Amino acid sequence: MNKVHFKPFVMPLLLVFCALFYYFGELVNWAAWEALRLQFFYGIHDVHRLLFLIPIVYAGYNAKVRGAVIVTLVSFMIFLPRAFFISPYPDPLLRMVLFVIAAGVIGCLVGIIRNQSVRYQQLEAIIASERDKLLRIVDGMEDGIIITGPDYRILISYIIFAFLRRIIAAPKRLVIRVFRCCPCRIFKK
């Protein structure tokens, strides 16, 4: 079954939904829908602007900092007509600009955090592959190798492990943990 990818449609649909909600009072007046005339849509629109945080944060998470900035600017363009032509309340432009700055900062911070988490995942994968490569090298050597890590775990090669197993009479005192797909052993106290 083919997966339908909705990701390209999510952001425009979120913005359209937020814009319709933001201008719903004017749409009700234009269409003369008396049954939908609620006082909530005719007050100060600071609360309605909060709905635009959803697409800004979503863009920051999916499209990183650039997406957050672009969606913040698109939201700013959506807010401008109300500030210039519709709002009868004092300082609509100032409140709108303050919200856009705050929302843009929040979106950018989400994008920065997302960038860092992706980078950390890449670094963890690199460290795991380097560790596995080192363990393969250690297992391929014919000499015995003992490595003590910073956490006081002792990594020994298979040759040393076999030697210690022959010498130590009671191996029950040792806790043995096997790495993934590698015959190296770790002994913990």
Protein backbone atom coordinates (compact mmCIF):
# COMPACT_ATOMS: atom_id res chain seq x y z
CA MET A 1 0.00 0.00 0.00
CA ASN A 2 1.38 3.39 -0.95
CA LYS A 3 1.80 5.93 1.79
CA VAL A 4 0.21 9.28 1.12
CA HIS A 5 2.51 12.07 2.22
CA PHE A 6 0.58 14.96 3.71
CA LYS A 7 3.61 16.90 4.92
CA PRO A 8 3.65 19.49 2.09
CA PHE A 9 -0.02 20.27 2.72
CA VAL A 10 0.09 20.60 6.51
CA MET A 11 1.74 24.03 6.71
CA PRO A 12 -0.48 25.81 4.15
CA LEU A 13 -3.60 24.23 5.67
CA LEU A 14 -2.55 25.34 9.16
CA LEU A 15 -1.98 28.89 7.92
CA VAL A 16 -5.29 28.98 6.04
CA PHE A 17 -7.15 27.66 9.09
CA CYS A 18 -5.49 30.24 11.36
CA ALA A 19 -6.20 33.06 8.90
CA LEU A 20 -9.86 32.05 8.60
CA PHE A 21 -10.15 31.95 12.38
CA TYR A 22 -8.37 35.31 12.68
CA TYR A 23 -10.70 37.00 10.17
CA PHE A 24 -13.84 34.99 11.04
CA GLY A 25 -15.68 38.02 12.44
CA GLU A 26 -15.19 39.91 9.18
CA LEU A 27 -16.25 36.85 7.16
CA VAL A 28 -19.44 36.60 9.23
CA ASN A 29 -20.18 40.29 8.56
CA TRP A 30 -19.42 39.94 4.85
CA ALA A 31 -21.61 36.84 4.44
CA ALA A 32 -24.33 38.17 6.82
CA TRP A 33 -24.38 35.00 8.94
CA GLU A 34 -26.26 36.29 11.96
CA ALA A 35 -26.29 32.89 13.69
CA LEU A 36 -22.47 32.81 13.82
CA ARG A 37 -22.06 36.33 15.16
CA LEU A 38 -20.25 35.70 18.48
CA GLN A 39 -18.71 38.45 20.59
CA PHE A 40 -15.48 36.44 20.85
CA PHE A 41 -14.63 37.24 17.22
CA TYR A 42 -15.11 41.00 17.66
CA GLY A 43 -12.82 41.76 20.59
CA ILE A 44 -9.10 42.46 20.67
CA HIS A 45 -7.44 39.84 18.49
CA ASP A 46 -4.45 39.11 20.73
CA VAL A 47 -5.96 35.75 21.66
CA HIS A 48 -6.65 34.91 18.01
CA ARG A 49 -3.01 35.60 17.17
CA LEU A 50 -1.93 32.94 19.65
CA LEU A 51 -3.32 30.33 17.29
CA PHE A 52 -0.55 31.28 14.85
CA LEU A 53 2.00 29.84 17.28
CA ILE A 54 1.00 26.37 16.08
CA PRO A 55 2.23 26.76 12.47
CA ILE A 56 5.28 28.75 13.60
CA VAL A 57 6.39 26.08 16.08
CA TYR A 58 5.53 23.33 13.57
CA ALA A 59 7.69 25.06 10.95
CA GLY A 60 10.50 25.45 13.48
CA TYR A 61 10.36 21.74 14.24
CA ASN A 62 10.11 20.46 10.66
CA ALA A 63 11.86 23.12 8.58
CA LYS A 64 14.29 24.35 11.27
CA VAL A 65 15.10 28.04 11.74
CA ARG A 66 14.56 29.06 8.12
CA GLY A 67 11.04 27.60 8.12
CA ALA A 68 10.18 29.34 11.38
CA VAL A 69 11.32 32.70 10.01
CA ILE A 70 9.41 32.25 6.75
CA VAL A 71 6.16 31.24 8.48
CA THR A 72 6.57 34.11 10.96
CA LEU A 73 6.86 36.57 8.05
CA VAL A 74 3.82 35.02 6.34
CA SER A 75 1.89 35.37 9.61
CA PHE A 76 3.01 38.99 9.81
CA MET A 77 1.60 39.59 6.32
CA ILE A 78 -1.67 37.96 7.37
CA PHE A 79 -1.87 40.28 10.42
CA LEU A 80 -1.17 43.53 8.55
CA PRO A 81 -4.60 44.19 6.98
CA ARG A 82 -6.34 43.97 10.36
CA ALA A 83 -3.81 46.31 11.97
CA PHE A 84 -4.05 48.91 9.21
CA PHE A 85 -7.68 48.81 8.10
CA ILE A 86 -9.96 46.90 10.47
CA SER A 87 -8.97 47.18 14.13
CA PRO A 88 -10.64 50.00 16.08
CA TYR A 89 -8.54 49.33 19.19
CA PRO A 90 -5.50 51.41 20.18
CA ASP A 91 -2.01 50.44 18.99
CA PRO A 92 -2.94 47.37 16.91
CA LEU A 93 0.34 47.53 14.99
CA LEU A 94 2.45 47.61 18.15
CA ARG A 95 0.70 44.60 19.68
CA MET A 96 0.98 42.73 16.42
CA VAL A 97 4.70 43.46 16.02
CA LEU A 98 5.41 42.42 19.62
CA PHE A 99 3.58 39.15 19.07
CA VAL A 100 5.39 38.49 15.78
CA ILE A 101 8.77 39.08 17.45
CA ALA A 102 7.91 36.78 20.37
CA ALA A 103 6.49 34.07 18.10
CA GLY A 104 9.49 34.32 15.77
CA VAL A 105 11.88 33.90 18.70
CA ILE A 106 9.94 30.87 19.93
CA GLY A 107 9.95 29.32 16.44
CA CYS A 108 13.67 29.98 16.01
CA LEU A 109 14.44 28.45 19.41
CA VAL A 110 12.45 25.35 18.46
CA GLY A 111 14.41 25.18 15.19
CA ILE A 112 17.74 25.56 17.01
CA ILE A 113 16.84 22.84 19.51
CA ARG A 114 15.76 20.56 16.65
CA ASN A 115 19.05 21.23 14.81
CA GLN A 116 21.02 20.34 17.93
CA SER A 117 19.06 17.15 18.55
CA VAL A 118 19.61 16.01 14.95
CA ARG A 119 23.31 16.81 15.30
CA TYR A 120 23.53 14.85 18.57
CA GLN A 121 21.88 11.84 16.93
CA GLN A 122 24.41 11.99 14.10
CA LEU A 123 27.29 12.23 16.57
CA GLU A 124 25.96 9.28 18.57
CA ALA A 125 25.80 7.19 15.40
CA ILE A 126 29.38 8.19 14.51
CA ILE A 127 30.62 7.33 18.02
CA ALA A 128 28.85 3.96 17.94
CA SER A 129 30.37 3.10 14.56
CA GLU A 130 33.85 4.18 15.70
CA ARG A 131 33.49 2.09 18.87
CA ASP A 132 32.45 -0.93 16.84
CA LYS A 133 35.36 -0.38 14.48
CA LEU A 134 37.78 -0.18 17.43
CA LEU A 135 36.36 -3.37 18.93
CA ARG A 136 36.73 -5.19 15.61
CA ILE A 137 40.36 -4.08 15.48
CA VAL A 138 40.94 -5.24 19.06
CA ASP A 139 39.34 -8.61 18.36
CA GLY A 140 41.45 -9.08 15.26
CA MET A 141 44.74 -8.71 17.13
CA GLU A 142 46.54 -11.81 18.28
CA ASP A 143 48.06 -10.07 21.29
CA GLY A 144 46.05 -9.62 24.44
CA ILE A 145 44.69 -6.11 25.01
CA ILE A 146 43.25 -4.62 28.18
CA ILE A 147 41.59 -1.17 28.01
CA THR A 148 40.24 0.67 31.03
CA GLY A 149 37.59 3.29 30.26
CA PRO A 150 36.90 6.52 32.15
CA ASP A 151 33.97 4.81 33.87
CA TYR A 152 36.35 2.11 35.21
CA ARG A 153 35.00 -0.58 32.95
CA ILE A 154 37.65 -2.92 31.69
CA LEU A 155 37.55 -3.98 28.06
CA ILE A 156 39.62 -7.06 27.23
CA SER A 157 40.24 -8.89 24.01
CA TYR A 158 39.05 -12.42 23.48
CA ILE A 159 42.55 -13.86 23.92
CA ILE A 160 42.89 -12.35 27.40
CA PHE A 161 39.36 -13.49 28.20
CA ALA A 162 40.18 -17.09 27.26
CA PHE A 163 43.43 -16.90 29.26
CA LEU A 164 41.68 -15.55 32.36
CA ARG A 165 38.95 -18.15 32.04
CA ARG A 166 41.54 -20.91 32.18
CA ILE A 167 43.38 -19.38 35.12
CA ILE A 168 40.50 -18.23 37.31
CA ALA A 169 38.91 -21.13 39.11
CA ALA A 170 35.62 -19.39 39.99
CA PRO A 171 34.39 -17.30 37.05
CA LYS A 172 31.10 -16.76 38.91
CA ARG A 173 32.59 -13.73 40.64
CA LEU A 174 32.90 -11.87 37.35
CA VAL A 175 29.97 -10.20 35.65
CA ILE A 176 30.30 -10.63 31.90
CA ARG A 177 28.55 -8.36 29.45
CA VAL A 178 28.83 -8.97 25.69
CA PHE A 179 28.89 -6.09 23.21
CA ARG A 180 26.71 -6.28 20.15
CA CYS A 181 28.15 -8.59 17.47
CA CYS A 182 31.60 -8.53 19.05
CA PRO A 183 33.34 -11.21 21.14
CA CYS A 184 34.98 -8.59 23.39
CA ARG A 185 33.93 -8.78 27.02
CA ILE A 186 33.55 -6.18 29.75
CA PHE A 187 34.12 -6.97 33.39
CA LYS A 188 32.49 -4.84 36.05
CA LYS A 189 33.26 -4.89 39.75
